[in-house]
N, C-alpha and C. Protein backbone atom coordinates (compact mmCIF):
# COMPACT_ATOMS: atom_id res chain seq x y z
N MET A 1 -14.14 8.58 -7.49
CA MET A 1 -15.15 7.93 -8.53
C MET A 1 -14.27 6.73 -8.90
N SER A 2 -15.16 5.89 -9.21
CA SER A 2 -14.55 4.57 -9.54
C SER A 2 -14.99 3.98 -11.06
N ASP A 3 -13.84 3.63 -11.58
CA ASP A 3 -13.97 3.00 -12.56
C ASP A 3 -13.63 1.27 -12.53
N THR A 4 -15.15 0.65 -13.41
CA THR A 4 -15.01 -0.43 -13.20
C THR A 4 -14.61 -1.55 -14.66
N VAL A 5 -14.22 -2.86 -14.31
CA VAL A 5 -13.84 -3.80 -15.42
C VAL A 5 -14.80 -4.64 -15.36
N GLU A 6 -15.68 -4.92 -16.38
CA GLU A 6 -16.37 -5.89 -16.51
C GLU A 6 -15.53 -7.08 -17.08
N PHE A 7 -16.05 -8.70 -16.74
CA PHE A 7 -15.55 -9.27 -17.61
C PHE A 7 -16.57 -10.51 -17.99
N TYR A 8 -16.51 -10.78 -19.39
CA TYR A 8 -17.35 -11.43 -19.94
C TYR A 8 -17.11 -12.91 -20.95
N GLU A 9 -17.43 -14.04 -20.67
CA GLU A 9 -16.85 -14.95 -21.29
C GLU A 9 -17.38 -14.70 -23.16
N ASN A 10 -16.43 -15.24 -24.14
CA ASN A 10 -16.58 -14.86 -25.32
C ASN A 10 -18.33 -15.50 -25.70
N GLY A 11 -18.98 -14.91 -26.18
CA GLY A 11 -20.41 -15.32 -26.67
C GLY A 11 -21.68 -15.06 -25.51
N LYS A 12 -21.05 -14.42 -24.47
CA LYS A 12 -21.96 -14.24 -23.41
C LYS A 12 -22.34 -13.06 -23.53
N GLN A 13 -23.80 -12.65 -22.84
CA GLN A 13 -24.38 -11.47 -22.50
C GLN A 13 -24.28 -10.70 -20.91
N ARG A 14 -23.58 -11.68 -20.15
CA ARG A 14 -23.84 -10.68 -18.79
C ARG A 14 -22.33 -11.26 -18.53
N PRO A 15 -21.77 -10.23 -17.47
CA PRO A 15 -20.54 -10.59 -17.02
C PRO A 15 -20.71 -11.37 -16.20
N PHE A 16 -19.14 -12.05 -15.74
CA PHE A 16 -19.25 -13.21 -14.79
C PHE A 16 -18.16 -12.61 -13.79
N LEU A 17 -18.03 -11.36 -13.78
CA LEU A 17 -16.76 -10.78 -12.76
C LEU A 17 -17.06 -9.07 -13.05
N ILE A 18 -17.29 -8.35 -11.62
CA ILE A 18 -17.41 -6.79 -11.87
C ILE A 18 -15.95 -6.54 -10.98
N VAL A 19 -15.46 -5.70 -11.04
CA VAL A 19 -14.36 -5.24 -10.00
C VAL A 19 -14.10 -3.74 -10.60
N ASP A 20 -14.10 -3.56 -9.10
CA ASP A 20 -13.54 -1.75 -8.94
C ASP A 20 -12.15 -1.63 -9.53
N SER A 21 -12.07 -0.88 -10.83
CA SER A 21 -10.21 -0.88 -10.96
C SER A 21 -10.03 0.32 -12.01
N ALA A 22 -8.84 0.36 -12.48
CA ALA A 22 -8.75 1.39 -13.31
C ALA A 22 -7.99 0.51 -14.48
N PHE A 23 -7.67 -0.59 -13.66
CA PHE A 23 -6.79 -1.64 -14.39
C PHE A 23 -6.99 -2.18 -15.92
N GLN A 24 -6.74 -2.22 -16.83
CA GLN A 24 -7.33 -2.86 -17.88
C GLN A 24 -6.47 -4.12 -18.32
N PRO A 25 -6.52 -5.30 -18.63
CA PRO A 25 -6.15 -5.93 -19.55
C PRO A 25 -6.01 -5.48 -20.88
N ASN A 26 -4.50 -5.91 -21.55
CA ASN A 26 -4.21 -5.83 -22.99
C ASN A 26 -5.00 -7.47 -23.97
N ASP A 27 -5.45 -7.37 -24.96
CA ASP A 27 -5.60 -8.32 -25.93
C ASP A 27 -4.10 -9.13 -25.62
N ASP A 28 -4.80 -10.16 -25.81
CA ASP A 28 -4.07 -11.57 -25.51
C ASP A 28 -3.02 -11.70 -24.26
N ASP A 29 -3.30 -10.85 -23.38
CA ASP A 29 -2.93 -11.21 -22.06
C ASP A 29 -3.59 -12.55 -21.35
N LEU A 30 -2.69 -13.17 -20.28
CA LEU A 30 -3.39 -13.84 -19.79
C LEU A 30 -4.14 -13.38 -18.18
N ILE A 31 -5.13 -13.70 -17.82
CA ILE A 31 -5.70 -13.49 -16.58
C ILE A 31 -6.04 -14.60 -15.87
N SER A 32 -5.79 -14.88 -14.75
CA SER A 32 -6.64 -15.48 -13.40
C SER A 32 -7.16 -15.19 -12.88
N ILE A 33 -8.48 -15.70 -12.43
CA ILE A 33 -9.58 -15.70 -12.44
C ILE A 33 -10.15 -16.64 -11.62
N LYS A 34 -10.46 -16.64 -10.06
CA LYS A 34 -10.89 -17.89 -9.22
C LYS A 34 -10.05 -19.14 -9.51
N GLY A 35 -8.97 -18.82 -9.78
CA GLY A 35 -8.28 -20.45 -9.96
C GLY A 35 -7.80 -20.89 -11.40
N LYS A 36 -8.84 -19.84 -12.50
CA LYS A 36 -8.87 -20.16 -14.05
C LYS A 36 -7.82 -19.74 -14.16
N THR A 37 -7.08 -19.94 -15.69
CA THR A 37 -6.83 -18.89 -16.74
C THR A 37 -7.75 -18.60 -17.74
N TYR A 38 -7.72 -17.58 -18.37
CA TYR A 38 -8.36 -16.63 -20.01
C TYR A 38 -7.23 -15.99 -20.31
N ASN A 39 -7.75 -16.26 -21.35
CA ASN A 39 -6.78 -15.28 -22.63
C ASN A 39 -8.03 -14.13 -23.08
N VAL A 40 -6.91 -13.04 -22.63
CA VAL A 40 -8.16 -11.66 -23.29
C VAL A 40 -8.00 -11.35 -24.30
N LEU A 41 -9.40 -11.66 -24.87
CA LEU A 41 -9.54 -11.38 -26.84
C LEU A 41 -9.85 -10.09 -26.96
N GLY A 42 -10.20 -8.78 -26.21
CA GLY A 42 -10.57 -7.69 -26.77
C GLY A 42 -11.06 -7.14 -25.66
N ARG A 43 -11.35 -5.69 -25.79
CA ARG A 43 -11.93 -4.94 -24.51
C ARG A 43 -12.46 -3.74 -25.45
N SER A 44 -13.43 -3.38 -24.86
CA SER A 44 -13.94 -1.97 -25.04
C SER A 44 -14.53 -1.07 -24.14
N PHE A 45 -14.31 0.20 -24.72
CA PHE A 45 -14.85 1.44 -23.09
C PHE A 45 -16.26 1.71 -23.51
N SER A 46 -16.66 2.22 -22.29
CA SER A 46 -17.74 2.96 -22.43
C SER A 46 -17.79 3.90 -21.27
N VAL A 47 -18.59 5.08 -21.43
CA VAL A 47 -18.72 6.12 -20.51
C VAL A 47 -20.43 6.40 -20.22
N ASP A 48 -21.08 5.38 -20.07
CA ASP A 48 -22.52 5.50 -19.98
C ASP A 48 -22.66 5.32 -18.15
N TYR A 49 -21.49 5.72 -17.50
CA TYR A 49 -21.95 5.97 -16.21
C TYR A 49 -21.35 7.60 -15.94
N VAL A 50 -21.32 7.79 -16.34
CA VAL A 50 -20.90 9.75 -16.60
C VAL A 50 -22.18 10.27 -15.95
N GLY A 51 -22.08 10.88 -15.01
CA GLY A 51 -22.73 11.91 -14.20
C GLY A 51 -23.48 11.02 -12.96
N GLU A 52 -23.27 9.78 -13.13
CA GLU A 52 -23.86 8.88 -12.09
C GLU A 52 -22.49 9.29 -10.41
N PRO A 53 -23.07 9.07 -9.56
CA PRO A 53 -22.18 9.47 -8.29
C PRO A 53 -21.26 7.92 -8.32
N LEU A 54 -19.83 8.32 -8.19
CA LEU A 54 -19.30 7.44 -7.91
C LEU A 54 -18.88 6.34 -8.76
N LYS A 55 -19.53 6.64 -9.67
CA LYS A 55 -19.18 5.81 -11.22
C LYS A 55 -18.42 6.59 -12.35
N ALA A 56 -17.29 6.19 -13.06
CA ALA A 56 -16.67 7.12 -14.06
C ALA A 56 -16.85 6.26 -15.56
N MET A 57 -15.86 5.52 -15.91
CA MET A 57 -16.01 4.62 -17.03
C MET A 57 -15.81 3.30 -16.32
N ARG A 58 -16.23 2.71 -17.64
CA ARG A 58 -16.11 1.31 -17.60
C ARG A 58 -15.62 0.61 -18.67
N CYS A 59 -14.31 -0.58 -18.40
CA CYS A 59 -13.78 -1.36 -19.83
C CYS A 59 -14.70 -3.03 -19.48
N ASN A 60 -15.23 -3.00 -20.51
CA ASN A 60 -15.57 -4.77 -21.00
C ASN A 60 -14.42 -5.46 -21.51
N VAL A 61 -14.28 -6.87 -20.69
CA VAL A 61 -13.17 -7.35 -21.14
C VAL A 61 -13.67 -8.54 -21.57
N ILE A 62 -13.55 -9.09 -22.94
CA ILE A 62 -13.94 -10.48 -23.62
C ILE A 62 -12.95 -11.36 -23.52
N VAL A 63 -12.98 -12.41 -22.66
CA VAL A 63 -12.16 -13.53 -22.36
C VAL A 63 -12.48 -14.45 -23.06
N GLU A 64 -11.57 -16.04 -23.14
CA GLU A 64 -11.97 -17.18 -23.25
C GLU A 64 -10.55 -17.84 -22.38
N GLU A 65 -11.55 -18.81 -21.68
CA GLU A 65 -10.99 -19.78 -20.77
C GLU A 65 -10.21 -20.74 -21.33
N GLN A 66 -8.61 -20.69 -21.04
CA GLN A 66 -7.75 -21.37 -21.50
C GLN A 66 -8.29 -22.99 -21.38
N ALA A 67 -7.83 -23.91 -22.36
CA ALA A 67 -8.06 -25.47 -21.88
C ALA A 67 -6.97 -26.23 -21.24
């Protein structure tokens, strides 16, 4: 099974990046994605993949690009 992390820009409805990972950044962490630095504003978790082969849990991470 694979956990996923989905990154959403603050205020947007669709993720701009989905990765297979169990790593979950904490609030206020800085994260570098494709050469840009983002601040983690918050995160939530979903178990809506339960019962689907090869998927387990999803972490939704809300980020804001640093100026």
